[in-house]
Amino acid sequence: MKKRAKDVKRVRASKKESSKQGMAISRSIDVFQGRCEKAKDQLHTMLRRLGGIGAPAVVMQLVTLMFMNLGPININLDACEYFAGEQAVTSAWAGNGYRIAPFEIKLNPLMDILSVPGFCMALLMVMMVKDHGFSMIATVCSSWVFVSRSVTKRSLWQPLGDSSVKSVKCGNVMVARMALIIWILESKLAMWLYEQPHTSMLFQHPRMQELLKSLNVYRCHMYMGSYGTKSPKPTHLWSPTPTVNMFNLPLPGGKEWAPMVSKKLMPDGRVQVTGNSLLKNSQTYPREFGFATLRVWKMTEQREFPKENTPPKNLLQMKAKDSWKDADLKDVFQFLSLGTFKS
């Protein structure tokens, strides 16, 4: 009898434990299903918006694969800063209580937009930005400016230059990938600023020309010297909002400006122009410019979302008319799809 009573207790305890495990599994399934539904809603919203602005199919495929890998994304960033350097913009926003993420290879070697994980990290960052948020972009300009043209061979007629030169090839891929990032920013109606020196030919890149034709983009000619640099540094800011012209402040008078380039007359009569140390240092934004980005963003009226379009149901299976080979995405697609997506 005693043995039978013990067996009964053991069976009851086992059933009780099984019941607890069953409830835990049920809760886990509910949580998983909830996360799946949230990810599905986020994905469909982003795809409809991308379709509404006429974004390339490649952008929608990348976004879809990101959600398939990560599930729901915590969209909690007020802003992000690409190629952040000394993080003048990040510091200004963070110091005023905003959530901003910097993307800078000096901070983390993985933040290399030319690498597969680096570009995926850049995609995740822009997908985390809130609607009507902000992004500062300052792609490496060294292969796009006037000073380097004897090496890069870039011109108005051949803006992609000599792709046999490594810096030129990398610069071309970098800009193509940032164009994809801008499409996602536009789907969120975020204010973005794309900064380049005034001699830069970056916006002659075919992908940037496509953006200019597809979107309303404004260009502001301004001077970083108005914000505290040692040289005037004429600069162009590109943005989807006309308030970008607020950055155009007059240069302070009565100030001696230090030159950023040195000129040398060659024996054959040509003038050789080389950048000095001040040119390199001018890549760092003055502190006041960082605060100006926040002020202008606050003064910018929020844009209204256009009519959304339903994306194709076979988005991942369809072959995009333009595969964006210039953005070198084959390894990115393979990485995101674990080798199951044939690009």
Protein backbone atom coordinates (compact mmCIF):
# COMPACT_ATOMS: atom_id res chain seq x y z
CA MET A 1 0.00 0.00 0.00
CA LYS A 2 2.82 2.39 0.93
CA LYS A 3 4.55 1.68 -2.38
CA ARG A 4 1.33 2.31 -4.29
CA ALA A 5 0.77 5.64 -2.47
CA LYS A 6 4.30 6.74 -3.38
CA ASP A 7 3.68 5.84 -7.03
CA VAL A 8 0.46 7.89 -7.02
CA LYS A 9 2.29 10.94 -5.55
CA ARG A 10 5.07 10.53 -8.12
CA VAL A 11 2.55 10.47 -10.97
CA ARG A 12 0.75 13.55 -9.61
CA ALA A 13 4.05 15.43 -9.25
CA SER A 14 5.00 14.45 -12.78
CA LYS A 15 1.66 15.66 -14.15
CA LYS A 16 2.02 18.94 -12.23
CA GLU A 17 5.52 19.48 -13.65
CA SER A 18 4.32 18.62 -17.15
CA SER A 19 1.49 21.12 -16.73
CA LYS A 20 3.97 23.86 -15.73
CA GLN A 21 6.18 23.06 -18.71
CA GLY A 22 3.16 23.08 -21.01
CA MET A 23 2.10 26.51 -19.72
CA ALA A 24 5.65 27.85 -20.16
CA ILE A 25 5.79 26.53 -23.74
CA SER A 26 2.36 28.03 -24.44
CA ARG A 27 3.51 31.42 -23.13
CA SER A 28 6.67 31.19 -25.25
CA ILE A 29 4.60 30.42 -28.33
CA ASP A 30 2.33 33.40 -27.59
CA VAL A 31 5.35 35.68 -27.20
CA PHE A 32 6.88 34.33 -30.42
CA GLN A 33 3.63 34.79 -32.33
CA GLY A 34 3.31 38.30 -30.93
CA ARG A 35 6.84 39.15 -32.06
CA CYS A 36 6.13 37.69 -35.49
CA GLU A 37 2.97 39.79 -35.83
CA LYS A 38 4.82 42.94 -34.77
CA ALA A 39 7.64 42.28 -37.22
CA LYS A 40 5.09 41.60 -39.97
CA ASP A 41 3.29 44.89 -39.26
CA GLN A 42 6.56 46.86 -39.22
CA LEU A 43 7.72 45.24 -42.46
CA HIS A 44 4.44 45.82 -44.30
CA THR A 45 4.34 49.47 -43.20
CA MET A 46 7.89 50.08 -44.42
CA LEU A 47 7.32 48.26 -47.72
CA ARG A 48 4.13 50.19 -48.44
CA ARG A 49 5.92 53.47 -47.77
CA LEU A 50 8.90 52.49 -49.92
CA GLY A 51 6.48 51.57 -52.68
CA GLY A 52 4.74 54.91 -52.28
CA ILE A 53 7.93 56.88 -52.99
CA GLY A 54 9.00 54.64 -55.86
CA ALA A 55 11.99 53.09 -54.09
CA PRO A 56 14.01 50.45 -55.97
CA ALA A 57 12.98 46.80 -55.48
CA VAL A 58 16.47 46.07 -54.14
CA VAL A 59 15.80 48.33 -51.13
CA MET A 60 12.58 46.46 -50.34
CA GLN A 61 14.33 43.10 -50.64
CA LEU A 62 17.08 44.20 -48.23
CA VAL A 63 14.52 45.49 -45.71
CA THR A 64 12.53 42.25 -45.95
CA LEU A 65 15.61 40.11 -45.32
CA MET A 66 16.60 42.27 -42.35
CA PHE A 67 13.20 41.66 -40.73
CA MET A 68 13.39 37.94 -41.52
CA ASN A 69 16.71 37.78 -39.68
CA LEU A 70 15.96 40.06 -36.74
CA GLY A 71 12.23 39.94 -36.15
CA PRO A 72 10.62 43.14 -34.79
CA ILE A 73 12.96 46.12 -34.67
CA ASN A 74 13.08 48.54 -31.76
CA ILE A 75 12.42 51.82 -33.58
CA ASN A 76 13.71 54.12 -30.85
CA LEU A 77 16.35 56.38 -32.44
CA ASP A 78 15.70 60.08 -32.84
CA ALA A 79 18.68 60.37 -35.14
CA CYS A 80 21.79 58.70 -36.52
CA GLU A 81 25.11 60.08 -37.78
CA TYR A 82 26.95 58.26 -40.57
CA PHE A 83 30.73 58.71 -40.84
CA ALA A 84 30.51 60.48 -37.51
CA GLY A 85 34.23 61.30 -37.09
CA GLU A 86 34.61 63.26 -33.85
CA GLN A 87 30.82 63.06 -33.34
CA ALA A 88 30.04 66.76 -33.09
CA VAL A 89 26.45 66.11 -34.19
CA THR A 90 26.04 63.05 -31.95
CA SER A 91 27.37 64.95 -28.93
CA ALA A 92 25.03 67.91 -29.51
CA TRP A 93 21.94 65.71 -29.80
CA ALA A 94 22.85 63.34 -26.97
CA GLY A 95 23.67 66.31 -24.74
CA ASN A 96 20.12 67.57 -25.24
CA GLY A 97 18.54 64.27 -24.27
CA TYR A 98 17.96 62.77 -27.72
CA ARG A 99 18.73 59.17 -28.60
CA ILE A 100 21.25 59.20 -31.46
CA ALA A 101 23.57 56.50 -32.80
CA PRO A 102 26.93 57.23 -34.49
CA PHE A 103 28.29 55.06 -37.32
CA GLU A 104 32.06 55.44 -37.42
CA ILE A 105 34.80 52.92 -38.24
CA LYS A 106 37.10 54.52 -35.65
CA LEU A 107 34.58 53.62 -32.96
CA ASN A 108 34.22 50.03 -34.12
CA PRO A 109 36.10 48.30 -36.98
CA LEU A 110 32.84 46.49 -37.81
CA MET A 111 31.33 49.86 -38.78
CA ASP A 112 32.85 49.63 -42.24
CA ILE A 113 30.09 50.29 -44.74
CA LEU A 114 32.09 48.48 -47.43
CA SER A 115 32.01 45.23 -45.43
CA VAL A 116 29.00 42.92 -45.29
CA PRO A 117 28.38 43.17 -41.51
CA GLY A 118 29.14 46.91 -41.62
CA PHE A 119 26.52 47.60 -44.27
CA CYS A 120 23.98 45.42 -42.44
CA MET A 121 24.70 47.44 -39.30
CA ALA A 122 24.14 50.66 -41.28
CA LEU A 123 20.82 49.26 -42.55
CA LEU A 124 19.72 48.33 -39.04
CA MET A 125 20.60 51.79 -37.77
CA VAL A 126 18.47 53.59 -40.34
CA MET A 127 15.59 51.16 -39.78
CA MET A 128 15.66 52.05 -36.07
CA VAL A 129 15.17 55.77 -36.75
CA LYS A 130 11.72 57.10 -35.85
CA ASP A 131 9.38 58.70 -38.37
CA HIS A 132 10.37 62.35 -38.98
CA GLY A 133 13.75 61.70 -37.34
CA PHE A 134 17.14 62.99 -38.48
CA SER A 135 20.32 61.72 -40.08
CA MET A 136 23.67 63.37 -40.77
CA ILE A 137 25.71 61.86 -43.59
CA ALA A 138 29.29 62.75 -44.46
CA THR A 139 30.62 60.07 -46.80
CA VAL A 140 34.42 60.04 -47.18
CA CYS A 141 35.08 62.85 -49.66
CA SER A 142 38.78 62.37 -50.45
CA SER A 143 38.25 60.70 -53.84
CA TRP A 144 35.53 63.15 -54.90
CA VAL A 145 37.16 66.55 -54.37
CA PHE A 146 39.13 68.72 -56.80
CA VAL A 147 42.51 68.13 -55.12
CA SER A 148 42.54 64.39 -55.96
CA ARG A 149 41.29 64.56 -59.56
CA SER A 150 44.71 64.03 -61.13
CA VAL A 151 44.62 60.56 -59.55
CA THR A 152 40.89 59.73 -59.55
CA LYS A 153 40.25 61.01 -63.11
CA ARG A 154 36.74 62.05 -62.09
CA SER A 155 34.99 64.64 -64.25
CA LEU A 156 31.47 65.82 -65.10
CA TRP A 157 31.51 63.46 -68.08
CA GLN A 158 33.04 60.54 -66.17
CA PRO A 159 32.05 61.05 -62.48
CA LEU A 160 32.90 57.43 -61.56
CA GLY A 161 36.52 58.07 -62.56
CA ASP A 162 39.25 55.45 -62.83
CA SER A 163 37.85 52.38 -61.04
CA SER A 164 41.26 50.67 -61.21
CA VAL A 165 42.27 53.03 -58.39
CA LYS A 166 41.21 51.45 -55.08
CA SER A 167 40.04 54.69 -53.45
CA VAL A 168 37.87 55.45 -56.50
CA LYS A 169 36.30 51.99 -56.57
CA CYS A 170 35.60 52.09 -52.82
CA GLY A 171 34.18 55.60 -53.08
CA ASN A 172 31.80 54.56 -55.84
CA VAL A 173 30.47 51.55 -53.88
CA MET A 174 30.18 53.62 -50.70
CA VAL A 175 28.00 56.26 -52.36
CA ALA A 176 25.78 53.64 -54.03
CA ARG A 177 25.18 52.00 -50.65
CA MET A 178 24.42 55.34 -49.00
CA ALA A 179 21.85 56.01 -51.73
CA LEU A 180 20.03 52.87 -50.54
CA ILE A 181 20.15 54.21 -46.97
CA ILE A 182 18.63 57.51 -48.14
CA TRP A 183 15.67 55.69 -49.72
CA ILE A 184 14.88 54.18 -46.30
CA LEU A 185 15.25 57.60 -44.62
CA GLU A 186 12.78 58.99 -47.16
CA SER A 187 10.28 56.25 -46.34
CA LYS A 188 10.31 57.61 -42.77
CA LEU A 189 10.19 61.25 -43.97
CA ALA A 190 13.28 61.88 -41.86
CA MET A 191 15.28 65.05 -42.38
CA TRP A 192 18.71 64.11 -43.68
CA LEU A 193 21.74 66.28 -44.35
CA TYR A 194 24.37 65.07 -46.81
CA GLU A 195 27.52 67.14 -46.36
CA GLN A 196 30.32 67.48 -48.90
CA PRO A 197 33.02 70.08 -49.68
CA HIS A 198 31.88 72.44 -52.45
CA THR A 199 34.32 70.94 -55.00
CA SER A 200 33.04 67.40 -54.39
CA MET A 201 31.52 65.59 -57.37
CA LEU A 202 29.72 63.05 -55.19
CA PHE A 203 26.24 64.07 -56.31
CA GLN A 204 27.27 63.45 -59.93
CA HIS A 205 27.29 59.73 -59.04
CA PRO A 206 24.52 58.08 -61.14
CA ARG A 207 22.71 56.84 -58.00
CA MET A 208 22.65 60.33 -56.54
CA GLN A 209 21.41 61.70 -59.86
CA GLU A 210 18.54 59.18 -59.70
CA LEU A 211 17.68 60.43 -56.21
CA LEU A 212 17.67 64.05 -57.36
CA LYS A 213 15.27 63.15 -60.19
CA SER A 214 12.97 61.05 -57.98
CA LEU A 215 12.83 63.20 -54.82
CA ASN A 216 12.61 66.86 -53.88
CA VAL A 217 16.15 67.68 -52.76
CA TYR A 218 17.56 71.10 -51.89
CA ARG A 219 21.19 72.22 -51.89
CA CYS A 220 22.60 74.85 -49.55
CA HIS A 221 25.95 76.55 -50.15
CA MET A 222 27.35 77.42 -46.73
CA TYR A 223 30.64 77.96 -44.89
CA MET A 224 31.86 75.92 -41.94
CA GLY A 225 33.88 79.02 -41.05
CA SER A 226 30.58 80.58 -39.96
CA TYR A 227 30.48 77.96 -37.20
CA GLY A 228 34.01 78.32 -35.90
CA THR A 229 36.55 76.58 -38.18
CA LYS A 230 39.96 78.16 -38.87
CA SER A 231 39.29 78.25 -42.61
CA PRO A 232 36.12 79.30 -44.49
CA LYS A 233 35.62 75.76 -45.88
CA PRO A 234 32.85 76.33 -48.44
CA THR A 235 30.48 73.39 -48.13
CA HIS A 236 27.38 72.00 -49.77
CA LEU A 237 24.52 70.51 -47.74
CA TRP A 238 21.90 68.43 -49.51
CA SER A 239 18.53 67.81 -47.85
CA PRO A 240 14.87 67.01 -48.67
CA THR A 241 13.69 70.10 -46.77
CA PRO A 242 14.06 73.79 -47.77
CA THR A 243 15.03 74.71 -44.20
CA VAL A 244 18.52 73.49 -45.08
CA ASN A 245 19.13 77.06 -46.29
CA MET A 246 19.10 78.19 -42.65
CA PHE A 247 22.68 76.88 -42.42
CA ASN A 248 23.85 79.60 -44.81
CA LEU A 249 25.21 82.18 -42.35
CA PRO A 250 27.58 85.04 -43.28
CA LEU A 251 31.25 84.59 -42.53
CA PRO A 252 32.49 86.66 -39.60
CA GLY A 253 34.26 89.80 -40.78
CA GLY A 254 37.75 90.97 -39.88
CA LYS A 255 39.12 87.46 -39.49
CA GLU A 256 42.26 86.06 -41.10
CA TRP A 257 41.60 82.69 -42.65
CA ALA A 258 44.23 79.97 -42.94
CA PRO A 259 44.53 78.30 -46.39
CA MET A 260 43.74 74.57 -46.64
CA VAL A 261 45.79 73.96 -49.81
CA SER A 262 49.28 74.82 -50.98
CA LYS A 263 49.97 75.89 -54.59
CA LYS A 264 53.24 75.36 -56.42
CA LEU A 265 54.18 76.52 -59.94
CA MET A 266 55.74 73.64 -61.87
CA PRO A 267 58.51 74.09 -64.51
CA ASP A 268 56.03 73.31 -67.30
CA GLY A 269 53.77 76.14 -66.17
CA ARG A 270 51.18 73.96 -64.43
CA VAL A 271 50.05 74.81 -60.90
CA GLN A 272 50.28 71.90 -58.46
CA VAL A 273 47.67 71.99 -55.70
CA THR A 274 48.13 69.89 -52.56
CA GLY A 275 46.16 69.75 -49.34
CA ASN A 276 47.86 70.68 -46.09
CA SER A 277 47.23 69.51 -42.52
CA LEU A 278 44.42 72.03 -42.12
CA LEU A 279 42.52 70.37 -44.96
CA LYS A 280 42.56 67.07 -43.09
CA ASN A 281 41.54 68.74 -39.82
CA SER A 282 38.65 70.51 -41.54
CA GLN A 283 36.83 67.18 -41.78
CA THR A 284 35.91 67.59 -38.10
CA TYR A 285 32.73 69.60 -37.64
CA PRO A 286 32.89 72.58 -35.29
CA ARG A 287 30.88 72.13 -32.10
CA GLU A 288 28.43 74.88 -33.02
CA PHE A 289 27.49 73.13 -36.27
CA GLY A 290 26.35 70.10 -34.27
CA PHE A 291 23.95 72.28 -32.26
CA ALA A 292 22.78 73.98 -35.47
CA THR A 293 21.60 70.64 -36.89
CA LEU A 294 19.34 70.17 -33.87
CA ARG A 295 17.97 73.73 -34.06
CA VAL A 296 17.16 73.49 -37.77
CA TRP A 297 15.56 70.05 -37.36
CA LYS A 298 13.27 71.44 -34.64
CA MET A 299 12.26 74.30 -36.94
CA THR A 300 11.55 72.02 -39.90
CA GLU A 301 7.89 71.30 -40.57
CA GLN A 302 7.09 67.60 -40.69
CA ARG A 303 6.28 66.32 -44.15
CA GLU A 304 3.10 64.36 -44.88
CA PHE A 305 3.37 60.73 -45.91
CA PRO A 306 2.44 60.10 -49.55
CA LYS A 307 -0.05 57.47 -50.63
CA GLU A 308 1.26 54.00 -49.81
CA ASN A 309 1.58 51.27 -52.43
CA THR A 310 1.19 47.54 -51.81
CA PRO A 311 4.48 45.76 -52.61
CA PRO A 312 4.54 42.66 -54.85
CA LYS A 313 3.71 39.41 -53.01
CA ASN A 314 6.66 37.58 -54.57
CA LEU A 315 9.14 40.28 -53.58
CA LEU A 316 11.96 37.92 -52.57
CA GLN A 317 11.48 35.64 -55.58
CA MET A 318 11.25 38.40 -58.18
CA LYS A 319 14.35 39.50 -60.03
CA ALA A 320 14.81 43.23 -59.72
CA LYS A 321 15.10 45.10 -63.02
CA ASP A 322 18.09 46.89 -61.53
CA SER A 323 20.22 44.67 -59.27
CA TRP A 324 22.46 47.57 -58.19
CA LYS A 325 25.70 45.79 -59.11
CA ASP A 326 27.51 49.07 -58.46
CA ALA A 327 26.63 48.69 -54.74
CA ASP A 328 28.31 45.25 -54.64
CA LEU A 329 25.40 43.55 -52.86
CA LYS A 330 25.87 39.88 -53.80
CA ASP A 331 27.65 38.95 -50.54
CA VAL A 332 25.19 41.08 -48.55
CA PHE A 333 22.21 39.17 -49.91
CA GLN A 334 23.93 35.84 -49.33
CA PHE A 335 24.77 36.79 -45.74
CA LEU A 336 21.23 37.97 -44.94
CA SER A 337 19.56 34.97 -46.54
CA LEU A 338 22.03 32.37 -45.22
CA GLY A 339 22.77 31.37 -48.81
CA THR A 340 19.13 30.71 -49.78
CA PHE A 341 18.56 33.83 -51.87
CA LYS A 342 19.99 33.73 -55.39
CA SER A 343 20.87 37.22 -56.51
